């Protein structure tokens, strides 16, 4: 989460250059709910917030910081202290690949038992 906050801060700072806006605080919840607290010397209007929000959102989309979150389905191969390893079948290419997923990126796990 700390890395994501640093990246958001790095994207946000250039947007605030040449303005009287400044960052008060940045927070992120585990569900990727980002809270950005800004202020301005001349007052912070809704229009200024909307403009910053739209520009930041476009940059975050370009950086693909939060991909669409496609569900990944695979066979569990390994579990470590901070991640799990899945063997995933790519249906379109008819291949299998190994995917490592950090626990911090996992929102929900559904176990399917195969007999």
N, C-alpha and C. Protein backbone atom coordinates (compact mmCIF):
# COMPACT_ATOMS: atom_id res chain seq x y z
N UNK A 1 0.82 -1.20 0.00
CA UNK A 1 0.00 0.00 0.00
C UNK A 1 0.86 1.27 0.00
N UNK A 2 1.97 1.19 0.71
CA UNK A 2 2.86 2.34 0.79
C UNK A 2 3.41 2.71 -0.59
N UNK A 3 3.71 1.70 -1.41
CA UNK A 3 4.20 1.95 -2.77
C UNK A 3 3.14 2.65 -3.61
N UNK A 4 1.89 2.23 -3.45
CA UNK A 4 0.80 2.84 -4.21
C UNK A 4 0.63 4.30 -3.80
N UNK A 5 0.72 4.57 -2.50
CA UNK A 5 0.61 5.96 -2.03
C UNK A 5 1.73 6.82 -2.59
N UNK A 6 2.94 6.29 -2.62
CA UNK A 6 4.07 7.05 -3.17
C UNK A 6 3.87 7.34 -4.65
N UNK A 7 3.34 6.36 -5.39
CA UNK A 7 3.11 6.54 -6.82
C UNK A 7 2.02 7.58 -7.06
N UNK A 8 0.94 7.51 -6.27
CA UNK A 8 -0.13 8.49 -6.40
C UNK A 8 0.40 9.89 -6.08
N UNK A 9 1.19 10.00 -5.04
CA UNK A 9 1.79 11.28 -4.66
C UNK A 9 2.65 11.82 -5.81
N UNK A 10 3.43 10.94 -6.42
CA UNK A 10 4.30 11.34 -7.54
C UNK A 10 3.49 11.80 -8.75
N UNK A 11 2.34 11.18 -8.99
CA UNK A 11 1.48 11.60 -10.10
C UNK A 11 0.75 12.90 -9.78
N UNK A 12 0.43 13.08 -8.53
CA UNK A 12 -0.36 14.24 -8.11
C UNK A 12 0.44 15.54 -8.04
N UNK A 13 1.68 15.45 -7.60
CA UNK A 13 2.49 16.66 -7.43
C UNK A 13 2.59 17.52 -8.69
N UNK A 14 2.89 16.93 -9.87
CA UNK A 14 2.98 17.78 -11.07
C UNK A 14 1.65 18.44 -11.43
N UNK A 15 0.54 17.82 -11.06
CA UNK A 15 -0.77 18.41 -11.35
C UNK A 15 -1.02 19.67 -10.52
N UNK A 16 -0.35 19.76 -9.39
CA UNK A 16 -0.56 20.89 -8.49
C UNK A 16 0.46 22.01 -8.68
N UNK A 17 1.47 21.77 -9.52
CA UNK A 17 2.47 22.80 -9.80
C UNK A 17 1.79 23.99 -10.47
N UNK A 18 2.30 25.15 -10.20
CA UNK A 18 1.77 26.41 -10.75
C UNK A 18 0.33 26.69 -10.30
N UNK A 19 -0.07 26.09 -9.18
CA UNK A 19 -1.36 26.39 -8.56
C UNK A 19 -1.10 26.69 -7.09
N UNK A 20 -2.12 27.13 -6.41
CA UNK A 20 -1.97 27.33 -4.96
C UNK A 20 -2.48 26.11 -4.18
N UNK A 21 -2.76 25.03 -4.89
CA UNK A 21 -3.22 23.79 -4.25
C UNK A 21 -2.05 23.05 -3.63
N UNK A 22 -2.32 22.37 -2.52
CA UNK A 22 -1.29 21.54 -1.90
C UNK A 22 -1.94 20.32 -1.25
N UNK A 23 -1.13 19.27 -1.10
CA UNK A 23 -1.59 18.00 -0.53
C UNK A 23 -1.56 18.11 1.00
N UNK A 24 -2.67 17.79 1.62
CA UNK A 24 -2.75 17.74 3.07
C UNK A 24 -2.49 16.31 3.54
N UNK A 25 -3.13 15.34 2.87
CA UNK A 25 -3.00 13.96 3.29
C UNK A 25 -3.44 13.03 2.16
N UNK A 26 -2.85 11.83 2.14
CA UNK A 26 -3.25 10.77 1.22
C UNK A 26 -3.49 9.51 2.04
N UNK A 27 -4.59 8.83 1.77
CA UNK A 27 -4.89 7.58 2.45
C UNK A 27 -5.45 6.59 1.45
N UNK A 28 -5.23 5.31 1.70
CA UNK A 28 -5.80 4.28 0.84
C UNK A 28 -6.28 3.14 1.73
N UNK A 29 -7.48 2.65 1.42
CA UNK A 29 -8.04 1.53 2.16
C UNK A 29 -7.74 0.25 1.39
N UNK A 30 -7.83 -0.90 2.04
CA UNK A 30 -7.50 -2.17 1.37
C UNK A 30 -8.31 -2.45 0.11
N UNK A 31 -9.47 -1.84 -0.02
CA UNK A 31 -10.28 -2.06 -1.22
C UNK A 31 -9.95 -1.05 -2.32
N UNK A 32 -8.77 -0.45 -2.23
CA UNK A 32 -8.27 0.55 -3.18
C UNK A 32 -9.14 1.80 -3.22
N UNK A 33 -9.75 2.13 -2.11
CA UNK A 33 -10.48 3.38 -1.97
C UNK A 33 -9.47 4.45 -1.58
N UNK A 34 -9.21 5.36 -2.49
CA UNK A 34 -8.18 6.38 -2.29
C UNK A 34 -8.83 7.67 -1.81
N UNK A 35 -8.29 8.22 -0.74
CA UNK A 35 -8.76 9.49 -0.20
C UNK A 35 -7.61 10.50 -0.30
N UNK A 36 -7.86 11.57 -1.04
CA UNK A 36 -6.87 12.62 -1.21
C UNK A 36 -7.44 13.89 -0.59
N UNK A 37 -6.70 14.45 0.34
CA UNK A 37 -7.12 15.67 1.01
C UNK A 37 -6.23 16.81 0.51
N UNK A 38 -6.87 17.78 -0.13
CA UNK A 38 -6.18 18.93 -0.69
C UNK A 38 -6.66 20.20 -0.01
N UNK A 39 -5.89 21.25 -0.16
CA UNK A 39 -6.30 22.56 0.30
C UNK A 39 -5.66 23.58 -0.65
N UNK A 40 -6.10 24.81 -0.54
CA UNK A 40 -5.56 25.88 -1.38
C UNK A 40 -5.56 27.18 -0.60
N UNK A 41 -4.57 28.00 -0.89
CA UNK A 41 -4.48 29.29 -0.21
C UNK A 41 -5.68 30.19 -0.52
N UNK A 42 -6.20 30.08 -1.73
CA UNK A 42 -7.33 30.92 -2.14
C UNK A 42 -8.67 30.23 -1.95
N UNK A 43 -8.67 29.10 -1.29
CA UNK A 43 -9.90 28.33 -1.11
C UNK A 43 -10.00 27.24 -2.14
N UNK A 44 -10.62 26.16 -1.75
CA UNK A 44 -10.71 24.99 -2.63
C UNK A 44 -12.15 24.80 -3.08
N UNK A 45 -12.38 25.06 -4.34
CA UNK A 45 -13.73 24.92 -4.89
C UNK A 45 -13.95 23.50 -5.42
N UNK A 46 -15.19 23.16 -5.61
CA UNK A 46 -15.53 21.86 -6.20
C UNK A 46 -14.94 21.74 -7.59
N UNK A 47 -14.95 22.82 -8.34
CA UNK A 47 -14.42 22.80 -9.71
C UNK A 47 -12.94 22.43 -9.73
N UNK A 48 -12.17 22.98 -8.77
CA UNK A 48 -10.75 22.65 -8.68
C UNK A 48 -10.56 21.18 -8.33
N UNK A 49 -11.38 20.67 -7.41
CA UNK A 49 -11.30 19.25 -7.02
C UNK A 49 -11.62 18.34 -8.20
N UNK A 50 -12.66 18.70 -8.95
CA UNK A 50 -13.06 17.90 -10.11
C UNK A 50 -11.94 17.88 -11.14
N UNK A 51 -11.33 19.03 -11.40
CA UNK A 51 -10.26 19.11 -12.40
C UNK A 51 -9.07 18.23 -12.00
N UNK A 52 -8.67 18.30 -10.73
CA UNK A 52 -7.55 17.47 -10.27
C UNK A 52 -7.93 16.00 -10.33
N UNK A 53 -9.13 15.67 -9.91
CA UNK A 53 -9.59 14.29 -9.91
C UNK A 53 -9.55 13.70 -11.32
N UNK A 54 -10.06 14.42 -12.28
CA UNK A 54 -10.10 13.92 -13.66
C UNK A 54 -8.70 13.72 -14.23
N UNK A 55 -7.82 14.66 -13.98
CA UNK A 55 -6.45 14.54 -14.48
C UNK A 55 -5.72 13.38 -13.82
N UNK A 56 -5.88 13.24 -12.50
CA UNK A 56 -5.22 12.15 -11.77
C UNK A 56 -5.78 10.81 -12.21
N UNK A 57 -7.09 10.73 -12.37
CA UNK A 57 -7.71 9.48 -12.81
C UNK A 57 -7.17 9.06 -14.18
N UNK A 58 -7.06 9.99 -15.09
CA UNK A 58 -6.53 9.69 -16.43
C UNK A 58 -5.10 9.17 -16.34
N UNK A 59 -4.29 9.78 -15.48
CA UNK A 59 -2.90 9.32 -15.33
C UNK A 59 -2.84 7.93 -14.70
N UNK A 60 -3.69 7.68 -13.72
CA UNK A 60 -3.70 6.37 -13.07
C UNK A 60 -4.16 5.29 -14.05
N UNK A 61 -5.11 5.62 -14.91
CA UNK A 61 -5.55 4.68 -15.94
C UNK A 61 -4.42 4.41 -16.93
N UNK A 62 -3.72 5.45 -17.34
CA UNK A 62 -2.60 5.30 -18.28
C UNK A 62 -1.50 4.43 -17.68
N UNK A 63 -1.27 4.57 -16.39
CA UNK A 63 -0.25 3.77 -15.69
C UNK A 63 -0.74 2.37 -15.36
N UNK A 64 -2.03 2.13 -15.56
CA UNK A 64 -2.66 0.85 -15.23
C UNK A 64 -2.36 0.44 -13.79
N UNK A 65 -2.55 1.40 -12.89
CA UNK A 65 -2.27 1.15 -11.48
C UNK A 65 -3.26 0.15 -10.88
N UNK A 66 -4.50 0.22 -11.31
CA UNK A 66 -5.52 -0.69 -10.82
C UNK A 66 -6.20 -1.32 -12.03
N UNK A 67 -5.65 -2.44 -12.53
CA UNK A 67 -6.27 -3.08 -13.69
C UNK A 67 -7.70 -3.48 -13.37
N UNK A 68 -8.43 -3.84 -14.40
CA UNK A 68 -9.85 -4.16 -14.26
C UNK A 68 -10.12 -5.23 -13.20
N UNK A 69 -9.09 -5.89 -12.70
CA UNK A 69 -9.29 -6.87 -11.63
C UNK A 69 -9.95 -8.13 -12.11
N UNK A 70 -9.61 -8.57 -13.35
CA UNK A 70 -10.18 -9.80 -13.87
C UNK A 70 -9.95 -10.92 -12.87
N UNK A 71 -10.95 -11.77 -12.74
CA UNK A 71 -10.80 -12.93 -11.87
C UNK A 71 -9.75 -13.87 -12.44
N UNK A 72 -8.92 -14.39 -11.57
CA UNK A 72 -7.90 -15.35 -11.97
C UNK A 72 -8.28 -16.68 -11.38
N UNK A 73 -8.34 -17.68 -12.22
CA UNK A 73 -8.67 -19.02 -11.77
C UNK A 73 -7.53 -19.95 -12.13
N UNK A 74 -7.08 -20.71 -11.15
CA UNK A 74 -5.96 -21.60 -11.41
C UNK A 74 -5.79 -22.62 -10.31
N UNK A 75 -4.81 -23.48 -10.50
CA UNK A 75 -4.48 -24.53 -9.54
C UNK A 75 -3.41 -24.00 -8.59
N UNK A 76 -3.68 -24.11 -7.29
CA UNK A 76 -2.73 -23.64 -6.29
C UNK A 76 -1.50 -24.55 -6.31
N UNK A 77 -0.35 -23.95 -6.49
CA UNK A 77 0.90 -24.73 -6.57
C UNK A 77 1.80 -24.50 -5.37
N UNK A 78 1.74 -23.28 -4.79
CA UNK A 78 2.68 -22.96 -3.72
C UNK A 78 2.14 -21.79 -2.90
N UNK A 79 2.42 -21.80 -1.61
CA UNK A 79 2.07 -20.69 -0.73
C UNK A 79 3.32 -20.33 0.07
N UNK A 80 3.69 -19.04 0.05
CA UNK A 80 4.83 -18.54 0.81
C UNK A 80 4.33 -17.57 1.88
N UNK A 81 5.25 -16.95 2.58
CA UNK A 81 4.88 -16.02 3.64
C UNK A 81 4.10 -14.81 3.13
N UNK A 82 4.37 -14.36 1.90
CA UNK A 82 3.76 -13.14 1.42
C UNK A 82 3.01 -13.27 0.09
N UNK A 83 2.96 -14.47 -0.47
CA UNK A 83 2.31 -14.62 -1.78
C UNK A 83 1.87 -16.06 -1.99
N UNK A 84 1.07 -16.24 -3.03
CA UNK A 84 0.73 -17.59 -3.46
C UNK A 84 1.04 -17.71 -4.94
N UNK A 85 1.23 -18.95 -5.38
CA UNK A 85 1.57 -19.22 -6.77
C UNK A 85 0.49 -20.10 -7.37
N UNK A 86 -0.06 -19.65 -8.50
CA UNK A 86 -1.10 -20.39 -9.20
C UNK A 86 -0.61 -20.83 -10.57
N UNK A 87 -1.07 -21.98 -11.01
CA UNK A 87 -0.88 -22.40 -12.39
C UNK A 87 -2.17 -22.06 -13.11
N UNK A 88 -2.09 -21.16 -14.06
CA UNK A 88 -3.27 -20.61 -14.72
C UNK A 88 -3.29 -21.04 -16.18
N UNK A 89 -4.47 -21.48 -16.65
CA UNK A 89 -4.65 -21.83 -18.05
C UNK A 89 -5.14 -20.61 -18.81
N UNK A 90 -4.47 -20.31 -19.91
CA UNK A 90 -4.87 -19.22 -20.79
C UNK A 90 -5.68 -19.87 -21.91
N UNK A 91 -6.99 -19.68 -21.85
CA UNK A 91 -7.87 -20.41 -22.76
C UNK A 91 -7.67 -20.04 -24.22
N UNK A 92 -7.50 -18.75 -24.52
CA UNK A 92 -7.37 -18.32 -25.91
C UNK A 92 -6.11 -18.87 -26.56
N UNK A 93 -5.02 -18.96 -25.79
CA UNK A 93 -3.75 -19.44 -26.34
C UNK A 93 -3.52 -20.92 -26.06
N UNK A 94 -4.40 -21.53 -25.28
CA UNK A 94 -4.27 -22.94 -24.90
C UNK A 94 -2.91 -23.22 -24.28
N UNK A 95 -2.51 -22.32 -23.37
CA UNK A 95 -1.24 -22.46 -22.66
C UNK A 95 -1.51 -22.42 -21.17
N UNK A 96 -0.50 -22.81 -20.40
CA UNK A 96 -0.54 -22.60 -18.96
C UNK A 96 0.66 -21.75 -18.58
N UNK A 97 0.45 -20.94 -17.56
CA UNK A 97 1.51 -20.07 -17.07
C UNK A 97 1.44 -20.04 -15.55
N UNK A 98 2.51 -19.63 -14.94
CA UNK A 98 2.58 -19.52 -13.49
C UNK A 98 2.42 -18.05 -13.11
N UNK A 99 1.53 -17.79 -12.14
CA UNK A 99 1.25 -16.43 -11.70
C UNK A 99 1.52 -16.34 -10.20
N UNK A 100 2.32 -15.37 -9.80
CA UNK A 100 2.57 -15.11 -8.39
C UNK A 100 1.72 -13.91 -7.97
N UNK A 101 0.95 -14.08 -6.90
CA UNK A 101 0.06 -13.03 -6.43
C UNK A 101 0.39 -12.69 -4.98
N UNK A 102 0.81 -11.45 -4.71
CA UNK A 102 1.05 -11.06 -3.32
C UNK A 102 -0.27 -11.04 -2.55
N UNK A 103 -0.22 -11.42 -1.28
CA UNK A 103 -1.42 -11.44 -0.45
C UNK A 103 -2.08 -10.07 -0.40
N UNK A 104 -1.28 -9.01 -0.49
CA UNK A 104 -1.84 -7.65 -0.41
C UNK A 104 -2.72 -7.32 -1.62
N UNK A 105 -2.56 -8.06 -2.73
CA UNK A 105 -3.36 -7.82 -3.93
C UNK A 105 -4.63 -8.66 -3.98
N UNK A 106 -4.82 -9.54 -3.02
CA UNK A 106 -5.96 -10.46 -3.04
C UNK A 106 -7.11 -9.85 -2.25
N UNK A 107 -8.27 -9.74 -2.91
CA UNK A 107 -9.46 -9.22 -2.26
C UNK A 107 -10.37 -10.35 -1.78
N UNK A 108 -10.41 -11.44 -2.55
CA UNK A 108 -11.32 -12.53 -2.23
C UNK A 108 -10.77 -13.81 -2.82
N UNK A 109 -10.90 -14.89 -2.06
CA UNK A 109 -10.49 -16.21 -2.55
C UNK A 109 -11.66 -17.16 -2.39
N UNK A 110 -11.94 -17.91 -3.44
CA UNK A 110 -12.96 -18.95 -3.40
C UNK A 110 -12.26 -20.27 -3.69
N UNK A 111 -12.37 -21.21 -2.77
CA UNK A 111 -11.72 -22.50 -2.92
C UNK A 111 -12.67 -23.45 -3.64
N UNK A 112 -12.18 -24.05 -4.70
CA UNK A 112 -12.93 -25.07 -5.42
C UNK A 112 -12.17 -26.38 -5.28
N UNK A 113 -12.81 -27.35 -4.66
CA UNK A 113 -12.16 -28.64 -4.44
C UNK A 113 -12.47 -29.56 -5.61
N UNK A 114 -11.40 -30.15 -6.16
CA UNK A 114 -11.55 -31.06 -7.29
C UNK A 114 -11.39 -32.49 -6.77
N UNK A 115 -12.35 -33.34 -7.09
CA UNK A 115 -12.29 -34.75 -6.69
C UNK A 115 -11.85 -35.61 -7.84
